[in-house]
Amino acid sequence: DLHTAYRRQRQMCIRDRGSDDLNKYFLEFGISKTDAISKINQTIAISSENESKNWGKIKLKFILWFITLIIAFILLKSGKIKSNLRNLMYLSIVIIFGVILGADPGPMGTLKDTIVLFGQYKVFFPPRVIALVIMLLGIVIANKFICSWGCQVGTLQDLIFRLNRNKNQLPIIKQYRLSFLVSNSARIIFFIVFTLIAVFWVLDIIEPIDPFKIFKPDVLGIMGIFFVSSILILSLFVYRPWCHIFCPFGLAGWIVEKISIFRIKVDYDKCIACGKCEKACPSSVMGAILRRDKVIPDCFSCGSCIESCPTGAISFSIGKRDYPPKGKFDKLN
């Protein structure tokens, strides 16, 4: 088009000038050669990002995400998500948002690629930033919902984990709950290291091991295949290992979910302290929600706790979480 032709002609004009002439050319506009080249690179980077996107597919994906999250919200709010339905929904999400619509976009990429692009060119790609804000606002509305019911990699891990559980949501082969102190510390350290390397060394250390590339396997190298395979195998025994230990968006989502409007809550008047919800929970989060005696880990709003509660004491509802009466869970400790 005319814009592209003009840009190329201008670049050729600049390239053909001598160093002294080039400096004079830029000084005529009151800018240095370095600043001008930086601006040109930023413009080219934004243009390249825009041209590389399949906007039709992206729009379709966001529309389907919206519909899926609304359906999951209604089912979870009404307490109708049971084991078989949950697994069917996870499988459908993996197929639709991963196998059919591909690796990109994904929740993690909105944050990861924003940081990487800024590190490379000190510029932000507006559509990606808007997508990031929308997804984080979704978490504000409903606790970790885009991770829970939209992320193709998160739901794949969740589905694999539940293949190792029986109809009572108990492990067939022993499963392990990670210490949140350990997993979250690892996630924070990984995020800091990733960000520093991306900004100061202009290197994306996640790209070679990006688990979203499982839906685009031709770009996975040997290291990526080994790492992603390890994550998926580990998912049989540990709940969402990538989300808890590595994912930058997972860390951001955990921070934002502290102000979520809808979340898992316990009605202590109905609760009989049987501990079934804590056993059914795939991670350590339900124990922390139940007792309110420690930092609450990521809650993926899967509904296992609601399904397992015999008295209907647990709900996905609006408002702050209450604290339990003193000594209510002493017999479970």
C-alpha atoms as a PDB file:
ATOM      1  CA  ASP A   1       0.000   0.000   0.000  1.00  0.00           C
ATOM      2  CA  LEU A   2       0.993   3.684  -0.110  1.00  0.00           C
ATOM      3  CA  HIS A   3       2.094   3.706   3.530  1.00  0.00           C
ATOM      4  CA  THR A   4       4.419   0.733   3.047  1.00  0.00           C
ATOM      5  CA  ALA A   5       5.841   2.116  -0.206  1.00  0.00           C
ATOM      6  CA  TYR A   6       6.494   5.505   1.425  1.00  0.00           C
ATOM      7  CA  ARG A   7       8.169   3.863   4.416  1.00  0.00           C
ATOM      8  CA  ARG A   8      10.482   1.795   2.208  1.00  0.00           C
ATOM      9  CA  GLN A   9      11.368   4.792   0.027  1.00  0.00           C
ATOM     10  CA  ARG A  10      12.181   6.847   3.117  1.00  0.00           C
ATOM     11  CA  GLN A  11      14.347   4.081   4.535  1.00  0.00           C
ATOM     12  CA  MET A  12      16.269   3.831   1.233  1.00  0.00           C
ATOM     13  CA  CYS A  13      16.731   7.589   1.203  1.00  0.00           C
ATOM     14  CA  ILE A  14      18.105   7.565   4.725  1.00  0.00           C
ATOM     15  CA  ARG A  15      20.303   4.552   4.010  1.00  0.00           C
ATOM     16  CA  ASP A  16      21.860   6.186   0.934  1.00  0.00           C
ATOM     17  CA  ARG A  17      22.952   9.308   2.760  1.00  0.00           C
ATOM     18  CA  GLY A  18      26.412   9.622   4.239  1.00  0.00           C
ATOM     19  CA  SER A  19      26.868   9.763   8.005  1.00  0.00           C
ATOM     20  CA  ASP A  20      27.341  13.545   8.090  1.00  0.00           C
ATOM     21  CA  ASP A  21      24.438  14.168   5.739  1.00  0.00           C
ATOM     22  CA  LEU A  22      22.269  11.836   7.795  1.00  0.00           C
ATOM     23  CA  ASN A  23      22.975  13.738  11.003  1.00  0.00           C
ATOM     24  CA  LYS A  24      22.218  17.042   9.260  1.00  0.00           C
ATOM     25  CA  TYR A  25      18.994  15.550   7.871  1.00  0.00           C
ATOM     26  CA  PHE A  26      17.754  14.584  11.333  1.00  0.00           C
ATOM     27  CA  LEU A  27      18.984  17.796  12.969  1.00  0.00           C
ATOM     28  CA  GLU A  28      16.758  19.745  10.563  1.00  0.00           C
ATOM     29  CA  PHE A  29      13.847  18.253  12.486  1.00  0.00           C
ATOM     30  CA  GLY A  30      15.429  18.849  15.893  1.00  0.00           C
ATOM     31  CA  ILE A  31      16.114  15.163  16.663  1.00  0.00           C
ATOM     32  CA  SER A  32      19.271  13.107  16.902  1.00  0.00           C
ATOM     33  CA  LYS A  33      20.115  10.259  14.551  1.00  0.00           C
ATOM     34  CA  THR A  34      19.877   7.767  17.443  1.00  0.00           C
ATOM     35  CA  ASP A  35      16.410   8.954  18.466  1.00  0.00           C
ATOM     36  CA  ALA A  36      15.233   8.911  14.869  1.00  0.00           C
ATOM     37  CA  ILE A  37      16.425   5.367  14.282  1.00  0.00           C
ATOM     38  CA  SER A  38      14.771   4.296  17.547  1.00  0.00           C
ATOM     39  CA  LYS A  39      11.470   5.832  16.443  1.00  0.00           C
ATOM     40  CA  ILE A  40      11.729   4.170  13.039  1.00  0.00           C
ATOM     41  CA  ASN A  41      12.416   0.786  14.656  1.00  0.00           C
ATOM     42  CA  GLN A  42       9.461   1.259  17.001  1.00  0.00           C
ATOM     43  CA  THR A  43       7.169   2.090  14.071  1.00  0.00           C
ATOM     44  CA  ILE A  44       8.387  -0.920  12.117  1.00  0.00           C
ATOM     45  CA  ALA A  45       7.940  -3.163  15.201  1.00  0.00           C
ATOM     46  CA  ILE A  46       4.345  -2.033  15.722  1.00  0.00           C
ATOM     47  CA  SER A  47       3.622  -2.432  12.011  1.00  0.00           C
ATOM     48  CA  SER A  48       5.161  -5.925  11.984  1.00  0.00           C
ATOM     49  CA  GLU A  49       3.131  -6.963  15.015  1.00  0.00           C
ATOM     50  CA  ASN A  50      -0.040  -5.732  13.355  1.00  0.00           C
ATOM     51  CA  GLU A  51       0.697  -7.447  10.031  1.00  0.00           C
ATOM     52  CA  SER A  52       1.522 -10.757  11.736  1.00  0.00           C
ATOM     53  CA  LYS A  53      -1.904 -11.064  13.346  1.00  0.00           C
ATOM     54  CA  ASN A  54      -4.885 -12.943  12.000  1.00  0.00           C
ATOM     55  CA  TRP A  55      -7.425 -10.437  13.279  1.00  0.00           C
ATOM     56  CA  GLY A  56     -10.404 -12.475  12.163  1.00  0.00           C
ATOM     57  CA  LYS A  57      -9.274 -15.466  14.197  1.00  0.00           C
ATOM     58  CA  ILE A  58      -8.414 -13.275  17.178  1.00  0.00           C
ATOM     59  CA  LYS A  59     -11.862 -11.626  17.161  1.00  0.00           C
ATOM     60  CA  LEU A  60     -13.523 -15.052  16.917  1.00  0.00           C
ATOM     61  CA  LYS A  61     -11.427 -16.330  19.817  1.00  0.00           C
ATOM     62  CA  PHE A  62     -12.404 -13.425  22.068  1.00  0.00           C
ATOM     63  CA  ILE A  63     -16.085 -13.834  21.205  1.00  0.00           C
ATOM     64  CA  LEU A  64     -15.920 -17.565  22.026  1.00  0.00           C
ATOM     65  CA  TRP A  65     -13.971 -16.820  25.206  1.00  0.00           C
ATOM     66  CA  PHE A  66     -16.721 -14.450  26.306  1.00  0.00           C
ATOM     67  CA  ILE A  67     -19.455 -17.014  25.612  1.00  0.00           C
ATOM     68  CA  THR A  68     -17.520 -19.818  27.352  1.00  0.00           C
ATOM     69  CA  LEU A  69     -16.804 -17.746  30.455  1.00  0.00           C
ATOM     70  CA  ILE A  70     -20.445 -16.688  30.730  1.00  0.00           C
ATOM     71  CA  ILE A  71     -21.576 -20.337  30.534  1.00  0.00           C
ATOM     72  CA  ALA A  72     -18.966 -21.431  33.110  1.00  0.00           C
ATOM     73  CA  PHE A  73     -19.967 -18.562  35.392  1.00  0.00           C
ATOM     74  CA  ILE A  74     -23.672 -19.480  35.288  1.00  0.00           C
ATOM     75  CA  LEU A  75     -22.964 -23.176  35.905  1.00  0.00           C
ATOM     76  CA  LEU A  76     -20.517 -22.510  38.735  1.00  0.00           C
ATOM     77  CA  LYS A  77     -22.780 -19.930  40.352  1.00  0.00           C
ATOM     78  CA  SER A  78     -25.668 -22.414  40.331  1.00  0.00           C
ATOM     79  CA  GLY A  79     -23.470 -25.255  41.607  1.00  0.00           C
ATOM     80  CA  LYS A  80     -24.115 -27.424  38.545  1.00  0.00           C
ATOM     81  CA  ILE A  81     -20.519 -28.185  37.559  1.00  0.00           C
ATOM     82  CA  LYS A  82     -19.860 -31.861  38.341  1.00  0.00           C
ATOM     83  CA  SER A  83     -16.857 -34.047  37.505  1.00  0.00           C
ATOM     84  CA  ASN A  84     -18.023 -35.331  34.112  1.00  0.00           C
ATOM     85  CA  LEU A  85     -19.284 -31.950  32.943  1.00  0.00           C
ATOM     86  CA  ARG A  86     -16.095 -30.259  34.134  1.00  0.00           C
ATOM     87  CA  ASN A  87     -13.899 -32.678  32.208  1.00  0.00           C
ATOM     88  CA  LEU A  88     -16.069 -32.319  29.101  1.00  0.00           C
ATOM     89  CA  MET A  89     -15.799 -28.528  29.324  1.00  0.00           C
ATOM     90  CA  TYR A  90     -12.023 -28.695  29.764  1.00  0.00           C
ATOM     91  CA  LEU A  91     -11.702 -30.993  26.766  1.00  0.00           C
ATOM     92  CA  SER A  92     -13.875 -28.678  24.659  1.00  0.00           C
ATOM     93  CA  ILE A  93     -11.798 -25.641  25.690  1.00  0.00           C
ATOM     94  CA  VAL A  94      -8.545 -27.404  24.787  1.00  0.00           C
ATOM     95  CA  ILE A  95      -9.922 -28.430  21.379  1.00  0.00           C
ATOM     96  CA  ILE A  96     -11.551 -25.089  20.508  1.00  0.00           C
ATOM     97  CA  PHE A  97      -9.027 -22.585  21.887  1.00  0.00           C
ATOM     98  CA  GLY A  98      -5.937 -24.722  21.381  1.00  0.00           C
ATOM     99  CA  VAL A  99      -6.236 -27.336  18.641  1.00  0.00           C
ATOM    100  CA  ILE A 100      -8.596 -25.405  16.355  1.00  0.00           C
ATOM    101  CA  LEU A 101      -7.774 -21.738  17.050  1.00  0.00           C
ATOM    102  CA  GLY A 102      -4.107 -22.327  17.851  1.00  0.00           C
ATOM    103  CA  ALA A 103      -1.416 -21.288  20.301  1.00  0.00           C
ATOM    104  CA  ASP A 104      -2.000 -17.545  19.982  1.00  0.00           C
ATOM    105  CA  PRO A 105      -3.447 -15.555  21.461  1.00  0.00           C
ATOM    106  CA  GLY A 106      -3.339 -16.927  24.983  1.00  0.00           C
ATOM    107  CA  PRO A 107      -3.580 -15.287  28.402  1.00  0.00           C
ATOM    108  CA  MET A 108       0.140 -15.669  29.121  1.00  0.00           C
ATOM    109  CA  GLY A 109       1.168 -14.091  25.828  1.00  0.00           C
ATOM    110  CA  THR A 110      -0.643 -10.849  26.593  1.00  0.00           C
ATOM    111  CA  LEU A 111       1.783 -10.192  29.453  1.00  0.00           C
ATOM    112  CA  LYS A 112       4.891 -12.063  28.267  1.00  0.00           C
ATOM    113  CA  ASP A 113       4.948 -10.562  24.783  1.00  0.00           C
ATOM    114  CA  THR A 114       4.212  -7.085  26.137  1.00  0.00           C
ATOM    115  CA  ILE A 115       7.329  -7.270  28.300  1.00  0.00           C
ATOM    116  CA  VAL A 116       9.455  -8.750  25.502  1.00  0.00           C
ATOM    117  CA  LEU A 117       8.403  -6.128  22.930  1.00  0.00           C
ATOM    118  CA  PHE A 118       9.109  -3.343  25.420  1.00  0.00           C
ATOM    119  CA  GLY A 119      12.535  -4.840  26.104  1.00  0.00           C
ATOM    120  CA  GLN A 120      13.335  -4.962  22.390  1.00  0.00           C
ATOM    121  CA  TYR A 121      11.970  -1.625  21.202  1.00  0.00           C
ATOM    122  CA  LYS A 122      10.738   0.277  24.293  1.00  0.00           C
ATOM    123  CA  VAL A 123       7.251   0.320  22.829  1.00  0.00           C
ATOM    124  CA  PHE A 124       3.883  -1.270  23.589  1.00  0.00           C
ATOM    125  CA  PHE A 125       1.541  -2.913  21.079  1.00  0.00           C
ATOM    126  CA  PRO A 126      -1.834  -1.309  21.959  1.00  0.00           C
ATOM    127  CA  PRO A 127      -4.134  -4.247  21.016  1.00  0.00           C
ATOM    128  CA  ARG A 128      -2.086  -6.595  23.224  1.00  0.00           C
ATOM    129  CA  VAL A 129      -2.188  -4.174  26.158  1.00  0.00           C
ATOM    130  CA  ILE A 130      -5.965  -3.833  25.722  1.00  0.00           C
ATOM    131  CA  ALA A 131      -6.307  -7.650  25.706  1.00  0.00           C
ATOM    132  CA  LEU A 132      -4.210  -7.859  28.885  1.00  0.00           C
ATOM    133  CA  VAL A 133      -6.364  -5.261  30.636  1.00  0.00           C
ATOM    134  CA  ILE A 134      -9.577  -7.036  29.558  1.00  0.00           C
ATOM    135  CA  MET A 135      -8.336 -10.383  30.886  1.00  0.00           C
ATOM    136  CA  LEU A 136      -7.235  -8.885  34.203  1.00  0.00           C
ATOM    137  CA  LEU A 137     -10.586  -7.122  34.533  1.00  0.00           C
ATOM    138  CA  GLY A 138     -12.207 -10.512  33.948  1.00  0.00           C
ATOM    139  CA  ILE A 139     -10.273 -11.815  36.958  1.00  0.00           C
ATOM    140  CA  VAL A 140     -11.505  -8.856  38.998  1.00  0.00           C
ATOM    141  CA  ILE A 141     -15.080  -9.825  38.145  1.00  0.00           C
ATOM    142  CA  ALA A 142     -14.707 -13.588  38.652  1.00  0.00           C
ATOM    143  CA  ASN A 143     -11.830 -15.210  40.506  1.00  0.00           C
ATOM    144  CA  LYS A 144      -9.118 -16.325  38.006  1.00  0.00           C
ATOM    145  CA  PHE A 145     -11.777 -17.102  35.413  1.00  0.00           C
ATOM    146  CA  ILE A 146      -9.771 -16.675  32.200  1.00  0.00           C
ATOM    147  CA  CYS A 147      -7.128 -19.048  33.615  1.00  0.00           C
ATOM    148  CA  SER A 148      -9.804 -21.424  34.874  1.00  0.00           C
ATOM    149  CA  TRP A 149     -12.116 -21.671  31.881  1.00  0.00           C
ATOM    150  CA  GLY A 150     -10.365 -20.012  28.937  1.00  0.00           C
ATOM    151  CA  CYS A 151      -6.664 -20.811  28.935  1.00  0.00           C
ATOM    152  CA  GLN A 152      -5.895 -23.683  26.560  1.00  0.00           C
ATOM    153  CA  VAL A 153      -2.752 -24.713  28.463  1.00  0.00           C
ATOM    154  CA  GLY A 154      -4.261 -24.313  31.930  1.00  0.00           C
ATOM    155  CA  THR A 155      -7.291 -26.425  31.110  1.00  0.00           C
ATOM    156  CA  LEU A 156      -5.095 -29.052  29.416  1.00  0.00           C
ATOM    157  CA  GLN A 157      -3.066 -29.436  32.627  1.00  0.00           C
ATOM    158  CA  ASP A 158      -6.264 -29.520  34.676  1.00  0.00           C
ATOM    159  CA  LEU A 159      -7.775 -32.209  32.465  1.00  0.00           C
ATOM    160  CA  ILE A 160      -4.641 -34.376  32.687  1.00  0.00           C
ATOM    161  CA  PHE A 161      -4.602 -33.999  36.472  1.00  0.00           C
ATOM    162  CA  ARG A 162      -8.211 -35.182  36.705  1.00  0.00           C
ATOM    163  CA  LEU A 163      -7.536 -38.228  34.558  1.00  0.00           C
ATOM    164  CA  ASN A 164      -5.653 -39.466  37.625  1.00  0.00           C
ATOM    165  CA  ARG A 165      -8.734 -39.110  39.859  1.00  0.00           C
ATOM    166  CA  ASN A 166     -11.693 -41.399  40.447  1.00  0.00           C
ATOM    167  CA  LYS A 167     -15.390 -40.491  40.481  1.00  0.00           C
ATOM    168  CA  ASN A 168     -15.055 -39.312  44.092  1.00  0.00           C
ATOM    169  CA  GLN A 169     -12.332 -36.853  42.986  1.00  0.00           C
ATOM    170  CA  LEU A 170      -9.680 -38.787  44.919  1.00  0.00           C
ATOM    171  CA  PRO A 171      -6.272 -39.708  43.385  1.00  0.00           C
ATOM    172  CA  ILE A 172      -5.849 -43.054  41.636  1.00  0.00           C
ATOM    173  CA  ILE A 173      -2.057 -42.733  41.779  1.00  0.00           C
ATOM    174  CA  LYS A 174      -0.729 -40.491  44.554  1.00  0.00           C
ATOM    175  CA  GLN A 175      -0.912 -36.781  43.794  1.00  0.00           C
ATOM    176  CA  TYR A 176       0.995 -34.037  45.566  1.00  0.00           C
ATOM    177  CA  ARG A 177       0.047 -30.577  46.758  1.00  0.00           C
ATOM    178  CA  LEU A 178       2.890 -28.142  46.246  1.00  0.00           C
ATOM    179  CA  SER A 179       3.837 -25.854  49.104  1.00  0.00           C
ATOM    180  CA  PHE A 180       2.519 -22.477  48.021  1.00  0.00           C
ATOM    181  CA  LEU A 181       5.463 -20.754  49.662  1.00  0.00           C
ATOM    182  CA  VAL A 182       7.830 -22.785  47.481  1.00  0.00           C
ATOM    183  CA  SER A 183       5.844 -22.646  44.215  1.00  0.00           C
ATOM    184  CA  ASN A 184       4.987 -18.957  44.446  1.00  0.00           C
ATOM    185  CA  SER A 185       8.534 -18.023  45.430  1.00  0.00           C
ATOM    186  CA  ALA A 186       9.761 -19.907  42.350  1.00  0.00           C
ATOM    187  CA  ARG A 187       7.173 -18.119  40.198  1.00  0.00           C
ATOM    188  CA  ILE A 188       8.158 -14.690  41.509  1.00  0.00           C
ATOM    189  CA  ILE A 189      11.868 -15.386  40.983  1.00  0.00           C
ATOM    190  CA  PHE A 190      11.195 -16.720  37.475  1.00  0.00           C
ATOM    191  CA  PHE A 191       9.144 -13.634  36.619  1.00  0.00           C
ATOM    192  CA  ILE A 192      11.855 -11.268  37.869  1.00  0.00           C
ATOM    193  CA  VAL A 193      14.589 -13.137  35.979  1.00  0.00           C
ATOM    194  CA  PHE A 194      12.473 -13.291  32.803  1.00  0.00           C
ATOM    195  CA  THR A 195      11.675  -9.564  32.976  1.00  0.00           C
ATOM    196  CA  LEU A 196      15.259  -8.463  33.664  1.00  0.00           C
ATOM    197  CA  ILE A 197      16.629 -10.581  30.813  1.00  0.00           C
ATOM    198  CA  ALA A 198      13.883  -9.404  28.435  1.00  0.00           C
ATOM    199  CA  VAL A 199      14.409  -5.716  29.245  1.00  0.00           C
ATOM    200  CA  PHE A 200      18.178  -5.498  29.659  1.00  0.00           C
ATOM    201  CA  TRP A 201      19.438  -8.359  27.477  1.00  0.00           C
ATOM    202  CA  VAL A 202      16.592  -8.344  24.914  1.00  0.00           C
ATOM    203  CA  LEU A 203      16.074 -12.091  25.216  1.00  0.00           C
ATOM    204  CA  ASP A 204      12.843 -14.062  25.667  1.00  0.00           C
ATOM    205  CA  ILE A 205      13.764 -17.053  27.839  1.00  0.00           C
ATOM    206  CA  ILE A 206      10.183 -18.403  27.786  1.00  0.00           C
ATOM    207  CA  GLU A 207       9.925 -18.661  23.997  1.00  0.00           C
ATOM    208  CA  PRO A 208      11.997 -21.898  23.647  1.00  0.00           C
ATOM    209  CA  ILE A 209       9.935 -23.645  26.347  1.00  0.00           C
ATOM    210  CA  ASP A 210       6.565 -21.965  25.802  1.00  0.00           C
ATOM    211  CA  PRO A 211       3.918 -24.639  26.601  1.00  0.00           C
ATOM    212  CA  PHE A 212       1.389 -22.875  24.354  1.00  0.00           C
ATOM    213  CA  LYS A 213       3.515 -24.037  21.439  1.00  0.00           C
ATOM    214  CA  ILE A 214       2.165 -27.551  21.994  1.00  0.00           C
ATOM    215  CA  PHE A 215      -0.647 -26.328  19.748  1.00  0.00           C
ATOM    216  CA  LYS A 216       1.984 -25.321  17.169  1.00  0.00           C
ATOM    217  CA  PRO A 217       4.476 -28.191  17.628  1.00  0.00           C
ATOM    218  CA  ASP A 218       6.454 -27.537  14.449  1.00  0.00           C
ATOM    219  CA  VAL A 219       8.148 -24.552  16.143  1.00  0.00           C
ATOM    220  CA  LEU A 220       9.124 -26.455  19.288  1.00  0.00           C
ATOM    221  CA  GLY A 221      12.789 -27.384  19.432  1.00  0.00           C
ATOM    222  CA  ILE A 222      14.306 -30.308  21.338  1.00  0.00           C
ATOM    223  CA  MET A 223      14.477 -28.324  24.569  1.00  0.00           C
ATOM    224  CA  GLY A 224      10.875 -27.187  24.157  1.00  0.00           C
ATOM    225  CA  ILE A 225       9.610 -30.701  23.478  1.00  0.00           C
ATOM    226  CA  PHE A 226      11.423 -32.039  26.541  1.00  0.00           C
ATOM    227  CA  PHE A 227      10.211 -29.229  28.809  1.00  0.00           C
ATOM    228  CA  VAL A 228       6.571 -29.241  27.671  1.00  0.00           C
ATOM    229  CA  SER A 229       6.421 -33.052  27.830  1.00  0.00           C
ATOM    230  CA  SER A 230       7.765 -32.896  31.383  1.00  0.00           C
ATOM    231  CA  ILE A 231       5.118 -30.338  32.365  1.00  0.00           C
ATOM    232  CA  LEU A 232       2.306 -32.461  30.935  1.00  0.00           C
ATOM    233  CA  ILE A 233       3.555 -35.649  32.622  1.00  0.00           C
ATOM    234  CA  LEU A 234       3.991 -33.772  35.898  1.00  0.00           C
ATOM    235  CA  SER A 235       0.376 -32.580  35.541  1.00  0.00           C
ATOM    236  CA  LEU A 236      -0.784 -36.113  36.383  1.00  0.00           C
ATOM    237  CA  PHE A 237       0.634 -35.725  39.873  1.00  0.00           C
ATOM    238  CA  VAL A 238       0.782 -31.976  40.538  1.00  0.00           C
ATOM    239  CA  TYR A 239      -2.040 -29.524  39.873  1.00  0.00           C
ATOM    240  CA  ARG A 240      -1.263 -27.054  37.060  1.00  0.00           C
ATOM    241  CA  PRO A 241       2.545 -27.015  37.499  1.00  0.00           C
ATOM    242  CA  TRP A 242       3.180 -24.417  34.777  1.00  0.00           C
ATOM    243  CA  CYS A 243       0.549 -22.087  36.241  1.00  0.00           C
ATOM    244  CA  HIS A 244       1.873 -22.351  39.801  1.00  0.00           C
ATOM    245  CA  ILE A 245       5.629 -22.344  39.172  1.00  0.00           C
ATOM    246  CA  PHE A 246       6.309 -20.419  35.962  1.00  0.00           C
ATOM    247  CA  CYS A 247       3.415 -18.544  34.364  1.00  0.00           C
ATOM    248  CA  PRO A 248       3.835 -14.716  34.402  1.00  0.00           C
ATOM    249  CA  PHE A 249       0.128 -14.192  33.829  1.00  0.00           C
ATOM    250  CA  GLY A 250      -0.619 -16.705  36.588  1.00  0.00           C
ATOM    251  CA  LEU A 251       1.365 -14.546  39.012  1.00  0.00           C
ATOM    252  CA  ALA A 252      -0.414 -11.385  37.877  1.00  0.00           C
ATOM    253  CA  GLY A 253      -3.760 -13.187  38.131  1.00  0.00           C
ATOM    254  CA  TRP A 254      -2.986 -14.349  41.689  1.00  0.00           C
ATOM    255  CA  ILE A 255      -2.354 -10.724  42.713  1.00  0.00           C
ATOM    256  CA  VAL A 256      -5.480  -9.409  40.983  1.00  0.00           C
ATOM    257  CA  GLU A 257      -7.750 -12.153  42.346  1.00  0.00           C
ATOM    258  CA  LYS A 258      -7.323 -10.611  45.806  1.00  0.00           C
ATOM    259  CA  ILE A 259      -9.940  -8.071  44.743  1.00  0.00           C
ATOM    260  CA  SER A 260     -12.179 -10.439  42.763  1.00  0.00           C
ATOM    261  CA  ILE A 261     -15.875  -9.697  43.146  1.00  0.00           C
ATOM    262  CA  PHE A 262     -17.103 -13.292  42.741  1.00  0.00           C
ATOM    263  CA  ARG A 263     -15.104 -15.979  44.552  1.00  0.00           C
ATOM    264  CA  ILE A 264     -15.318 -19.257  46.446  1.00  0.00           C
ATOM    265  CA  LYS A 265     -16.840 -18.601  49.876  1.00  0.00           C
ATOM    266  CA  VAL A 266     -17.759 -20.691  52.922  1.00  0.00           C
ATOM    267  CA  ASP A 267     -20.936 -20.324  54.988  1.00  0.00           C
ATOM    268  CA  TYR A 268     -19.685 -21.411  58.415  1.00  0.00           C
ATOM    269  CA  ASP A 269     -23.237 -21.738  59.761  1.00  0.00           C
ATOM    270  CA  LYS A 270     -23.837 -24.561  57.266  1.00  0.00           C
ATOM    271  CA  CYS A 271     -20.318 -26.004  57.374  1.00  0.00           C
ATOM    272  CA  ILE A 272     -19.984 -29.188  59.480  1.00  0.00           C
ATOM    273  CA  ALA A 273     -16.164 -29.222  59.301  1.00  0.00           C
ATOM    274  CA  CYS A 274     -16.067 -32.588  57.535  1.00  0.00           C
ATOM    275  CA  GLY A 275     -13.064 -31.651  55.402  1.00  0.00           C
ATOM    276  CA  LYS A 276     -14.466 -33.151  52.187  1.00  0.00           C
ATOM    277  CA  CYS A 277     -13.983 -29.910  50.265  1.00  0.00           C
ATOM    278  CA  GLU A 278     -10.335 -29.749  51.272  1.00  0.00           C
ATOM    279  CA  LYS A 279      -9.757 -33.339  50.146  1.00  0.00           C
ATOM    280  CA  ALA A 280     -11.521 -32.760  46.835  1.00  0.00           C
ATOM    281  CA  CYS A 281      -9.595 -29.546  46.122  1.00  0.00           C
ATOM    282  CA  PRO A 282      -6.745 -30.264  43.694  1.00  0.00           C
ATOM    283  CA  SER A 283      -4.425 -27.798  45.439  1.00  0.00           C
ATOM    284  CA  SER A 284      -3.898 -26.401  48.936  1.00  0.00           C
ATOM    285  CA  VAL A 285      -6.153 -23.399  48.323  1.00  0.00           C
ATOM    286  CA  MET A 286      -9.352 -24.789  49.884  1.00  0.00           C
ATOM    287  CA  GLY A 287      -7.591 -25.490  53.164  1.00  0.00           C
ATOM    288  CA  ALA A 288      -6.469 -21.851  53.258  1.00  0.00           C
ATOM    289  CA  ILE A 289      -9.943 -20.553  52.335  1.00  0.00           C
ATOM    290  CA  LEU A 290     -11.562 -22.803  54.922  1.00  0.00           C
ATOM    291  CA  ARG A 291      -9.328 -21.861  57.854  1.00  0.00           C
ATOM    292  CA  ARG A 292      -8.236 -18.331  56.820  1.00  0.00           C
ATOM    293  CA  ASP A 293      -4.974 -18.864  58.706  1.00  0.00           C
ATOM    294  CA  LYS A 294      -2.474 -18.309  55.859  1.00  0.00           C
ATOM    295  CA  VAL A 295      -1.972 -16.594  52.517  1.00  0.00           C
ATOM    296  CA  ILE A 296      -4.563 -17.907  50.061  1.00  0.00           C
ATOM    297  CA  PRO A 297      -2.963 -19.538  46.984  1.00  0.00           C
ATOM    298  CA  ASP A 298      -4.330 -19.361  43.433  1.00  0.00           C
ATOM    299  CA  CYS A 299      -7.953 -20.459  43.284  1.00  0.00           C
ATOM    300  CA  PHE A 300      -8.918 -21.641  39.802  1.00  0.00           C
ATOM    301  CA  SER A 301     -12.646 -21.705  40.553  1.00  0.00           C
ATOM    302  CA  CYS A 302     -12.966 -25.292  39.339  1.00  0.00           C
ATOM    303  CA  GLY A 303     -15.955 -26.022  41.589  1.00  0.00           C
ATOM    304  CA  SER A 304     -14.616 -29.265  43.097  1.00  0.00           C
ATOM    305  CA  CYS A 305     -15.208 -27.907  46.595  1.00  0.00           C
ATOM    306  CA  ILE A 306     -18.821 -26.970  45.783  1.00  0.00           C
ATOM    307  CA  GLU A 307     -19.462 -30.397  44.287  1.00  0.00           C
ATOM    308  CA  SER A 308     -18.063 -32.262  47.311  1.00  0.00           C
ATOM    309  CA  CYS A 309     -19.755 -30.275  50.086  1.00  0.00           C
ATOM    310  CA  PRO A 310     -22.623 -32.315  51.620  1.00  0.00           C
ATOM    311  CA  THR A 311     -24.389 -29.323  53.198  1.00  0.00           C
ATOM    312  CA  GLY A 312     -24.169 -26.678  50.469  1.00  0.00           C
ATOM    313  CA  ALA A 313     -21.936 -24.520  52.630  1.00  0.00           C
ATOM    314  CA  ILE A 314     -19.639 -23.550  49.769  1.00  0.00           C
ATOM    315  CA  SER A 315     -20.651 -21.205  46.989  1.00  0.00           C
ATOM    316  CA  PHE A 316     -19.266 -19.089  44.194  1.00  0.00           C
ATOM    317  CA  SER A 317     -20.673 -15.750  45.244  1.00  0.00           C
ATOM    318  CA  ILE A 318     -20.090 -12.070  45.722  1.00  0.00           C
ATOM    319  CA  GLY A 319     -18.408 -10.391  48.673  1.00  0.00           C
ATOM    320  CA  LYS A 320     -15.556 -10.842  51.113  1.00  0.00           C
ATOM    321  CA  ARG A 321     -14.742 -14.177  52.709  1.00  0.00           C
ATOM    322  CA  ASP A 322     -15.651 -14.619  56.376  1.00  0.00           C
ATOM    323  CA  TYR A 323     -13.404 -16.009  59.093  1.00  0.00           C
ATOM    324  CA  PRO A 324     -14.349 -19.305  60.783  1.00  0.00           C
ATOM    325  CA  PRO A 325     -15.386 -19.543  64.442  1.00  0.00           C
ATOM    326  CA  LYS A 326     -12.438 -20.287  66.691  1.00  0.00           C
ATOM    327  CA  GLY A 327     -11.657 -24.001  66.945  1.00  0.00           C
ATOM    328  CA  LYS A 328     -14.113 -25.016  64.215  1.00  0.00           C
ATOM    329  CA  PHE A 329     -11.541 -27.114  62.354  1.00  0.00           C
ATOM    330  CA  ASP A 330      -9.478 -28.361  65.290  1.00  0.00           C
ATOM    331  CA  LYS A 331     -10.515 -31.960  64.618  1.00  0.00           C
ATOM    332  CA  LEU A 332      -9.169 -31.719  61.065  1.00  0.00           C
ATOM    333  CA  ASN A 333      -5.702 -30.526  62.098  1.00  0.00           C
END
